[in-house]
Amino acid sequence: MRCPIKLLLALSFLVLMRVNPAMAFQFKPMSQVFAPSGPNATRAYEVVNDEEDRIAVEVTVVERHMNLDGEEAYQPAEDDFLIYPSQMILEPGATQVVRVSWLGDPNPAQELAFRLVAEQLPINLVDPNQAEPVRPVGQVQVLLRYMGSLFVRPAGAQAAVSIESVVSQPDAQGADGIAITFANTGNASASLRDLSLSLTAQGQSVTLSAEALQGISGTTVLPGQSRRYVLPRPAALPQGPITAAFDYRRN
């Protein structure tokens, strides 16, 4: 059987193409909680250049929104924060400390969620007096981007997670599945770490550990919001109405 010419060309391109994470860097920590006022309203981060070339990095912040299925949307939030420095050029092996301060509401009614974005800028920092490095033909330059979690949490804020609904529903492949919706009626976000879930139908129960709940365990439910997850129906669970109970690590 002959292989079409277009397919041969596509395969040749994939073989020749090399993906190069150009001038990678580290950004840490990836998650921090801020107080809305006082000394803990400022936190420090590190940007580390691991490469042999100079790089330019910009740090910005966006407000984080999440729909029922966990898809995120963002809005600019620069007016609520002071980031210093927000743009930097790092020499090879250099580390830059970035301080981020909350300038918004000192008494929010609930925790506020943001994404702190550290992104490499597509700027040519090669010395014009030096020969530009030769890159292999077909190499793709990938600029690195980090999106960390940033929470502004008032004192005493706590999550309050419950199961809102659990119903039979086909999964993404059309197989028997279960849609379970968690509601967080508290005023702090909840991270469903080490989640365990017990499902019961017709008096028979099946318990799922965190290992069996990958894609659910460890995810976040923001305050005042709900998250829906669809998981395969366990073979040992009888058909019929389902009830559910759960537990997770809260600290």
C-alpha atoms as a PDB file:
ATOM      1  CA  MET A   1       0.000   0.000   0.000  1.00  0.00           C
ATOM      2  CA  ARG A   2       1.419   3.398  -0.977  1.00  0.00           C
ATOM      3  CA  CYS A   3       1.705   6.186   1.572  1.00  0.00           C
ATOM      4  CA  PRO A   4       0.244   9.523   0.351  1.00  0.00           C
ATOM      5  CA  ILE A   5       2.841  12.224  -0.398  1.00  0.00           C
ATOM      6  CA  LYS A   6       1.240  14.665   2.059  1.00  0.00           C
ATOM      7  CA  LEU A   7       1.544  12.117   4.863  1.00  0.00           C
ATOM      8  CA  LEU A   8       5.215  11.494   4.003  1.00  0.00           C
ATOM      9  CA  LEU A   9       5.925  15.217   4.112  1.00  0.00           C
ATOM     10  CA  ALA A  10       4.158  15.555   7.456  1.00  0.00           C
ATOM     11  CA  LEU A  11       6.126  12.662   8.936  1.00  0.00           C
ATOM     12  CA  SER A  12       9.391  14.110   7.630  1.00  0.00           C
ATOM     13  CA  PHE A  13       8.584  17.454   9.258  1.00  0.00           C
ATOM     14  CA  LEU A  14       7.915  15.799  12.612  1.00  0.00           C
ATOM     15  CA  VAL A  15      11.191  13.875  12.456  1.00  0.00           C
ATOM     16  CA  LEU A  16      13.241  16.964  11.557  1.00  0.00           C
ATOM     17  CA  MET A  17      11.530  19.364  13.941  1.00  0.00           C
ATOM     18  CA  ARG A  18      13.103  19.815  17.360  1.00  0.00           C
ATOM     19  CA  VAL A  19      11.218  21.588  20.116  1.00  0.00           C
ATOM     20  CA  ASN A  20      13.546  23.752  22.174  1.00  0.00           C
ATOM     21  CA  PRO A  21      12.249  25.245  25.453  1.00  0.00           C
ATOM     22  CA  ALA A  22      14.261  28.365  24.697  1.00  0.00           C
ATOM     23  CA  MET A  23      16.099  29.750  27.678  1.00  0.00           C
ATOM     24  CA  ALA A  24      14.011  28.064  30.369  1.00  0.00           C
ATOM     25  CA  PHE A  25      13.672  29.541  33.858  1.00  0.00           C
ATOM     26  CA  GLN A  26      12.212  28.646  37.239  1.00  0.00           C
ATOM     27  CA  PHE A  27       9.476  30.525  39.077  1.00  0.00           C
ATOM     28  CA  LYS A  28       8.689  29.698  42.711  1.00  0.00           C
ATOM     29  CA  PRO A  29       6.686  29.190  44.806  1.00  0.00           C
ATOM     30  CA  MET A  30       3.736  28.297  42.608  1.00  0.00           C
ATOM     31  CA  SER A  31       1.082  28.961  45.259  1.00  0.00           C
ATOM     32  CA  GLN A  32       0.875  31.509  48.079  1.00  0.00           C
ATOM     33  CA  VAL A  33      -1.781  32.902  50.402  1.00  0.00           C
ATOM     34  CA  PHE A  34      -1.790  36.643  51.116  1.00  0.00           C
ATOM     35  CA  ALA A  35      -3.426  38.454  54.017  1.00  0.00           C
ATOM     36  CA  PRO A  36      -5.568  41.419  52.898  1.00  0.00           C
ATOM     37  CA  SER A  37      -3.595  43.763  55.178  1.00  0.00           C
ATOM     38  CA  GLY A  38      -0.517  43.813  57.379  1.00  0.00           C
ATOM     39  CA  PRO A  39       2.937  42.344  56.738  1.00  0.00           C
ATOM     40  CA  ASN A  40       1.558  39.197  55.093  1.00  0.00           C
ATOM     41  CA  ALA A  41      -0.075  41.291  52.379  1.00  0.00           C
ATOM     42  CA  THR A  42       3.354  41.189  50.712  1.00  0.00           C
ATOM     43  CA  ARG A  43       4.983  37.960  49.539  1.00  0.00           C
ATOM     44  CA  ALA A  44       8.252  37.182  47.792  1.00  0.00           C
ATOM     45  CA  TYR A  45       8.881  35.026  44.718  1.00  0.00           C
ATOM     46  CA  GLU A  46      12.028  33.932  42.920  1.00  0.00           C
ATOM     47  CA  VAL A  47      12.777  33.923  39.205  1.00  0.00           C
ATOM     48  CA  VAL A  48      15.833  31.795  38.382  1.00  0.00           C
ATOM     49  CA  ASN A  49      17.582  31.719  35.009  1.00  0.00           C
ATOM     50  CA  ASP A  50      18.887  28.164  34.552  1.00  0.00           C
ATOM     51  CA  GLU A  51      20.225  28.728  31.065  1.00  0.00           C
ATOM     52  CA  GLU A  52      23.441  29.997  29.498  1.00  0.00           C
ATOM     53  CA  ASP A  53      21.762  32.981  27.814  1.00  0.00           C
ATOM     54  CA  ARG A  54      20.227  36.176  29.121  1.00  0.00           C
ATOM     55  CA  ILE A  55      16.437  36.162  29.297  1.00  0.00           C
ATOM     56  CA  ALA A  56      13.698  38.752  29.773  1.00  0.00           C
ATOM     57  CA  VAL A  57      10.780  37.887  32.076  1.00  0.00           C
ATOM     58  CA  GLU A  58       7.582  39.745  32.912  1.00  0.00           C
ATOM     59  CA  VAL A  59       5.390  39.092  35.968  1.00  0.00           C
ATOM     60  CA  THR A  60       1.711  40.058  35.875  1.00  0.00           C
ATOM     61  CA  VAL A  61      -1.427  39.169  37.810  1.00  0.00           C
ATOM     62  CA  VAL A  62      -4.969  38.374  36.657  1.00  0.00           C
ATOM     63  CA  GLU A  63      -8.203  37.739  38.516  1.00  0.00           C
ATOM     64  CA  ARG A  64      -9.219  34.096  38.330  1.00  0.00           C
ATOM     65  CA  HIS A  65     -12.729  32.889  37.515  1.00  0.00           C
ATOM     66  CA  MET A  66     -13.826  29.285  37.106  1.00  0.00           C
ATOM     67  CA  ASN A  67     -16.983  27.796  35.620  1.00  0.00           C
ATOM     68  CA  LEU A  68     -18.842  24.671  36.692  1.00  0.00           C
ATOM     69  CA  ASP A  69     -16.556  22.384  34.679  1.00  0.00           C
ATOM     70  CA  GLY A  70     -13.344  23.977  35.920  1.00  0.00           C
ATOM     71  CA  GLU A  71     -12.560  26.055  32.835  1.00  0.00           C
ATOM     72  CA  GLU A  72     -10.832  29.270  33.848  1.00  0.00           C
ATOM     73  CA  ALA A  73     -11.267  32.831  32.607  1.00  0.00           C
ATOM     74  CA  TYR A  74      -9.191  35.848  33.567  1.00  0.00           C
ATOM     75  CA  GLN A  75      -9.511  39.594  33.996  1.00  0.00           C
ATOM     76  CA  PRO A  76      -6.718  42.144  34.457  1.00  0.00           C
ATOM     77  CA  ALA A  77      -5.950  42.875  38.118  1.00  0.00           C
ATOM     78  CA  GLU A  78      -2.835  45.067  37.974  1.00  0.00           C
ATOM     79  CA  ASP A  79      -4.547  47.903  39.876  1.00  0.00           C
ATOM     80  CA  ASP A  80      -4.940  45.684  42.948  1.00  0.00           C
ATOM     81  CA  PHE A  81      -1.261  44.717  43.210  1.00  0.00           C
ATOM     82  CA  LEU A  82       2.203  46.211  43.272  1.00  0.00           C
ATOM     83  CA  ILE A  83       4.765  43.937  41.600  1.00  0.00           C
ATOM     84  CA  TYR A  84       8.425  44.890  41.903  1.00  0.00           C
ATOM     85  CA  PRO A  85      10.152  44.413  39.615  1.00  0.00           C
ATOM     86  CA  SER A  86       7.478  43.477  37.091  1.00  0.00           C
ATOM     87  CA  GLN A  87       9.960  43.191  34.223  1.00  0.00           C
ATOM     88  CA  MET A  88      13.532  41.975  34.435  1.00  0.00           C
ATOM     89  CA  ILE A  89      16.518  40.801  32.451  1.00  0.00           C
ATOM     90  CA  LEU A  90      18.358  37.903  34.063  1.00  0.00           C
ATOM     91  CA  GLU A  91      21.946  37.005  33.357  1.00  0.00           C
ATOM     92  CA  PRO A  92      22.826  33.300  33.079  1.00  0.00           C
ATOM     93  CA  GLY A  93      22.505  31.625  36.481  1.00  0.00           C
ATOM     94  CA  ALA A  94      21.025  34.744  38.099  1.00  0.00           C
ATOM     95  CA  THR A  95      18.168  34.834  40.616  1.00  0.00           C
ATOM     96  CA  GLN A  96      15.759  37.753  40.930  1.00  0.00           C
ATOM     97  CA  VAL A  97      13.507  38.217  43.962  1.00  0.00           C
ATOM     98  CA  VAL A  98      10.093  39.629  43.033  1.00  0.00           C
ATOM     99  CA  ARG A  99       7.910  41.173  45.729  1.00  0.00           C
ATOM    100  CA  VAL A 100       4.157  41.224  45.257  1.00  0.00           C
ATOM    101  CA  SER A 101       1.919  43.390  47.466  1.00  0.00           C
ATOM    102  CA  TRP A 102      -1.867  43.405  47.712  1.00  0.00           C
ATOM    103  CA  LEU A 103      -3.298  46.939  47.387  1.00  0.00           C
ATOM    104  CA  GLY A 104      -6.981  46.044  47.122  1.00  0.00           C
ATOM    105  CA  ASP A 105      -9.797  45.744  49.651  1.00  0.00           C
ATOM    106  CA  PRO A 106      -8.296  45.323  53.163  1.00  0.00           C
ATOM    107  CA  ASN A 107     -11.507  43.672  54.403  1.00  0.00           C
ATOM    108  CA  PRO A 108     -12.873  41.347  51.699  1.00  0.00           C
ATOM    109  CA  ALA A 109     -15.922  39.285  52.656  1.00  0.00           C
ATOM    110  CA  GLN A 110     -14.364  36.152  51.183  1.00  0.00           C
ATOM    111  CA  GLU A 111     -11.118  34.869  49.772  1.00  0.00           C
ATOM    112  CA  LEU A 112     -10.166  36.305  46.378  1.00  0.00           C
ATOM    113  CA  ALA A 113      -8.456  34.167  43.735  1.00  0.00           C
ATOM    114  CA  PHE A 114      -5.829  35.294  41.219  1.00  0.00           C
ATOM    115  CA  ARG A 115      -3.193  33.878  38.890  1.00  0.00           C
ATOM    116  CA  LEU A 116       0.352  35.210  39.072  1.00  0.00           C
ATOM    117  CA  VAL A 117       1.854  34.895  35.592  1.00  0.00           C
ATOM    118  CA  ALA A 118       5.606  34.766  34.942  1.00  0.00           C
ATOM    119  CA  GLU A 119       6.297  34.800  31.228  1.00  0.00           C
ATOM    120  CA  GLN A 120       9.429  34.910  29.126  1.00  0.00           C
ATOM    121  CA  LEU A 121       9.367  37.818  26.695  1.00  0.00           C
ATOM    122  CA  PRO A 122      10.288  37.289  23.015  1.00  0.00           C
ATOM    123  CA  ILE A 123      13.146  39.791  23.086  1.00  0.00           C
ATOM    124  CA  ASN A 124      16.479  39.234  21.328  1.00  0.00           C
ATOM    125  CA  LEU A 125      19.126  39.818  24.000  1.00  0.00           C
ATOM    126  CA  VAL A 126      22.092  38.653  21.924  1.00  0.00           C
ATOM    127  CA  ASP A 127      25.007  41.119  21.956  1.00  0.00           C
ATOM    128  CA  PRO A 128      24.994  42.766  18.482  1.00  0.00           C
ATOM    129  CA  ASN A 129      28.796  42.560  18.457  1.00  0.00           C
ATOM    130  CA  GLN A 130      28.669  38.793  18.796  1.00  0.00           C
ATOM    131  CA  ALA A 131      27.659  36.281  16.182  1.00  0.00           C
ATOM    132  CA  GLU A 132      24.125  35.087  16.767  1.00  0.00           C
ATOM    133  CA  PRO A 133      24.047  31.408  17.811  1.00  0.00           C
ATOM    134  CA  VAL A 134      23.261  28.967  15.032  1.00  0.00           C
ATOM    135  CA  ARG A 135      20.014  27.071  15.599  1.00  0.00           C
ATOM    136  CA  PRO A 136      19.196  23.790  13.842  1.00  0.00           C
ATOM    137  CA  VAL A 137      16.854  24.060  10.862  1.00  0.00           C
ATOM    138  CA  GLY A 138      13.276  23.248  11.858  1.00  0.00           C
ATOM    139  CA  GLN A 139      13.826  24.039  15.543  1.00  0.00           C
ATOM    140  CA  VAL A 140      10.792  25.505  17.308  1.00  0.00           C
ATOM    141  CA  GLN A 141      11.389  28.072  20.039  1.00  0.00           C
ATOM    142  CA  VAL A 142       9.014  27.653  22.989  1.00  0.00           C
ATOM    143  CA  LEU A 143       8.810  30.534  25.459  1.00  0.00           C
ATOM    144  CA  LEU A 144       8.075  29.376  28.982  1.00  0.00           C
ATOM    145  CA  ARG A 145       5.093  30.605  30.978  1.00  0.00           C
ATOM    146  CA  TYR A 146       4.139  29.876  34.586  1.00  0.00           C
ATOM    147  CA  MET A 147       0.688  30.467  36.087  1.00  0.00           C
ATOM    148  CA  GLY A 148       0.829  30.326  39.877  1.00  0.00           C
ATOM    149  CA  SER A 149      -2.070  30.390  42.329  1.00  0.00           C
ATOM    150  CA  LEU A 150      -2.465  33.507  44.470  1.00  0.00           C
ATOM    151  CA  PHE A 151      -5.156  33.797  47.134  1.00  0.00           C
ATOM    152  CA  VAL A 152      -6.033  36.841  49.261  1.00  0.00           C
ATOM    153  CA  ARG A 153      -7.637  35.299  52.333  1.00  0.00           C
ATOM    154  CA  PRO A 154      -9.267  37.217  55.200  1.00  0.00           C
ATOM    155  CA  ALA A 155      -8.632  36.028  58.748  1.00  0.00           C
ATOM    156  CA  GLY A 156     -10.868  33.153  59.813  1.00  0.00           C
ATOM    157  CA  ALA A 157     -12.014  32.311  56.285  1.00  0.00           C
ATOM    158  CA  GLN A 158     -12.878  28.638  55.827  1.00  0.00           C
ATOM    159  CA  ALA A 159     -14.181  26.394  53.084  1.00  0.00           C
ATOM    160  CA  ALA A 160     -17.482  24.531  53.477  1.00  0.00           C
ATOM    161  CA  VAL A 161     -17.750  21.830  50.824  1.00  0.00           C
ATOM    162  CA  SER A 162     -20.746  19.557  50.344  1.00  0.00           C
ATOM    163  CA  ILE A 163     -22.128  17.346  47.590  1.00  0.00           C
ATOM    164  CA  GLU A 164     -24.755  19.287  45.681  1.00  0.00           C
ATOM    165  CA  SER A 165     -25.839  16.497  43.346  1.00  0.00           C
ATOM    166  CA  VAL A 166     -24.828  13.077  42.035  1.00  0.00           C
ATOM    167  CA  VAL A 167     -26.499  11.639  38.935  1.00  0.00           C
ATOM    168  CA  SER A 168     -25.879   9.067  36.229  1.00  0.00           C
ATOM    169  CA  GLN A 169     -24.462  10.664  33.080  1.00  0.00           C
ATOM    170  CA  PRO A 170     -22.442   9.370  30.104  1.00  0.00           C
ATOM    171  CA  ASP A 171     -18.758  10.237  30.260  1.00  0.00           C
ATOM    172  CA  ALA A 172     -16.771  11.873  27.432  1.00  0.00           C
ATOM    173  CA  GLN A 173     -16.552   8.544  25.586  1.00  0.00           C
ATOM    174  CA  GLY A 174     -20.280   7.863  25.897  1.00  0.00           C
ATOM    175  CA  ALA A 175     -19.824   5.120  28.496  1.00  0.00           C
ATOM    176  CA  ASP A 176     -21.781   4.898  31.745  1.00  0.00           C
ATOM    177  CA  GLY A 177     -20.605   7.656  34.029  1.00  0.00           C
ATOM    178  CA  ILE A 178     -21.491   9.584  37.149  1.00  0.00           C
ATOM    179  CA  ALA A 179     -21.665  13.380  37.367  1.00  0.00           C
ATOM    180  CA  ILE A 180     -20.956  14.646  40.853  1.00  0.00           C
ATOM    181  CA  THR A 181     -21.179  18.316  41.803  1.00  0.00           C
ATOM    182  CA  PHE A 182     -19.399  19.774  44.833  1.00  0.00           C
ATOM    183  CA  ALA A 183     -20.565  23.118  46.240  1.00  0.00           C
ATOM    184  CA  ASN A 184     -18.357  25.365  48.364  1.00  0.00           C
ATOM    185  CA  THR A 185     -20.593  27.621  50.441  1.00  0.00           C
ATOM    186  CA  GLY A 186     -17.699  28.821  52.609  1.00  0.00           C
ATOM    187  CA  ASN A 187     -15.610  31.965  52.190  1.00  0.00           C
ATOM    188  CA  ALA A 188     -12.280  30.269  51.371  1.00  0.00           C
ATOM    189  CA  SER A 189     -11.246  27.998  48.521  1.00  0.00           C
ATOM    190  CA  ALA A 190     -11.018  24.235  49.007  1.00  0.00           C
ATOM    191  CA  SER A 191      -8.339  21.999  47.526  1.00  0.00           C
ATOM    192  CA  LEU A 192      -9.728  18.463  47.365  1.00  0.00           C
ATOM    193  CA  ARG A 193      -6.420  16.823  48.292  1.00  0.00           C
ATOM    194  CA  ASP A 194      -6.373  13.090  49.017  1.00  0.00           C
ATOM    195  CA  LEU A 195     -10.052  12.905  48.121  1.00  0.00           C
ATOM    196  CA  SER A 196     -11.951   9.704  48.865  1.00  0.00           C
ATOM    197  CA  LEU A 197     -15.466   9.115  47.581  1.00  0.00           C
ATOM    198  CA  SER A 198     -18.050   6.547  48.633  1.00  0.00           C
ATOM    199  CA  LEU A 199     -20.870   5.829  46.165  1.00  0.00           C
ATOM    200  CA  THR A 200     -23.976   3.866  47.135  1.00  0.00           C
ATOM    201  CA  ALA A 201     -26.737   2.423  44.938  1.00  0.00           C
ATOM    202  CA  GLN A 202     -29.359  -0.154  45.969  1.00  0.00           C
ATOM    203  CA  GLY A 203     -27.662  -0.537  49.338  1.00  0.00           C
ATOM    204  CA  GLN A 204     -24.295  -1.477  47.858  1.00  0.00           C
ATOM    205  CA  SER A 205     -21.310   0.874  48.298  1.00  0.00           C
ATOM    206  CA  VAL A 206     -18.087   1.365  46.381  1.00  0.00           C
ATOM    207  CA  THR A 207     -15.260   3.493  47.794  1.00  0.00           C
ATOM    208  CA  LEU A 208     -12.858   5.274  45.445  1.00  0.00           C
ATOM    209  CA  SER A 209      -9.460   6.444  46.697  1.00  0.00           C
ATOM    210  CA  ALA A 210      -7.482   9.461  45.496  1.00  0.00           C
ATOM    211  CA  GLU A 211      -5.578   7.208  43.080  1.00  0.00           C
ATOM    212  CA  ALA A 212      -8.852   6.272  41.380  1.00  0.00           C
ATOM    213  CA  LEU A 213      -9.977   9.907  41.314  1.00  0.00           C
ATOM    214  CA  GLN A 214      -7.154  11.417  39.298  1.00  0.00           C
ATOM    215  CA  GLY A 215      -8.382  14.580  37.657  1.00  0.00           C
ATOM    216  CA  ILE A 216     -10.634  15.262  40.654  1.00  0.00           C
ATOM    217  CA  SER A 217      -8.447  14.795  43.720  1.00  0.00           C
ATOM    218  CA  GLY A 218      -6.355  17.905  44.306  1.00  0.00           C
ATOM    219  CA  THR A 219      -8.509  20.247  42.247  1.00  0.00           C
ATOM    220  CA  THR A 220      -9.838  23.538  43.609  1.00  0.00           C
ATOM    221  CA  VAL A 221     -13.372  24.678  44.395  1.00  0.00           C
ATOM    222  CA  LEU A 222     -13.442  28.461  44.784  1.00  0.00           C
ATOM    223  CA  PRO A 223     -15.574  30.060  47.531  1.00  0.00           C
ATOM    224  CA  GLY A 224     -19.236  30.488  46.670  1.00  0.00           C
ATOM    225  CA  GLN A 225     -18.887  28.290  43.588  1.00  0.00           C
ATOM    226  CA  SER A 226     -19.542  24.717  42.465  1.00  0.00           C
ATOM    227  CA  ARG A 227     -17.492  22.194  40.479  1.00  0.00           C
ATOM    228  CA  ARG A 228     -18.884  19.314  38.437  1.00  0.00           C
ATOM    229  CA  TYR A 229     -16.888  16.202  37.615  1.00  0.00           C
ATOM    230  CA  VAL A 230     -17.816  13.212  35.462  1.00  0.00           C
ATOM    231  CA  LEU A 231     -16.177   9.894  36.338  1.00  0.00           C
ATOM    232  CA  PRO A 232     -16.624   6.355  34.999  1.00  0.00           C
ATOM    233  CA  ARG A 233     -19.297   4.376  36.786  1.00  0.00           C
ATOM    234  CA  PRO A 234     -17.619   1.643  38.867  1.00  0.00           C
ATOM    235  CA  ALA A 235     -18.464  -1.800  37.529  1.00  0.00           C
ATOM    236  CA  ALA A 236     -19.362  -2.998  41.033  1.00  0.00           C
ATOM    237  CA  LEU A 237     -21.940  -0.231  41.555  1.00  0.00           C
ATOM    238  CA  PRO A 238     -25.526  -1.336  40.774  1.00  0.00           C
ATOM    239  CA  GLN A 239     -27.752   0.713  38.492  1.00  0.00           C
ATOM    240  CA  GLY A 240     -30.245   3.065  40.097  1.00  0.00           C
ATOM    241  CA  PRO A 241     -30.223   6.279  42.134  1.00  0.00           C
ATOM    242  CA  ILE A 242     -26.871   7.118  43.715  1.00  0.00           C
ATOM    243  CA  THR A 243     -25.910   8.741  46.989  1.00  0.00           C
ATOM    244  CA  ALA A 244     -22.396   9.850  47.826  1.00  0.00           C
ATOM    245  CA  ALA A 245     -20.183  10.737  50.768  1.00  0.00           C
ATOM    246  CA  PHE A 246     -16.639  12.099  50.657  1.00  0.00           C
ATOM    247  CA  ASP A 247     -13.637  13.161  52.679  1.00  0.00           C
ATOM    248  CA  TYR A 248     -10.445  15.064  51.868  1.00  0.00           C
ATOM    249  CA  ARG A 249      -7.356  16.474  53.588  1.00  0.00           C
ATOM    250  CA  ARG A 250      -8.161  19.969  54.792  1.00  0.00           C
ATOM    251  CA  ASN A 251      -4.668  21.186  55.697  1.00  0.00           C
END
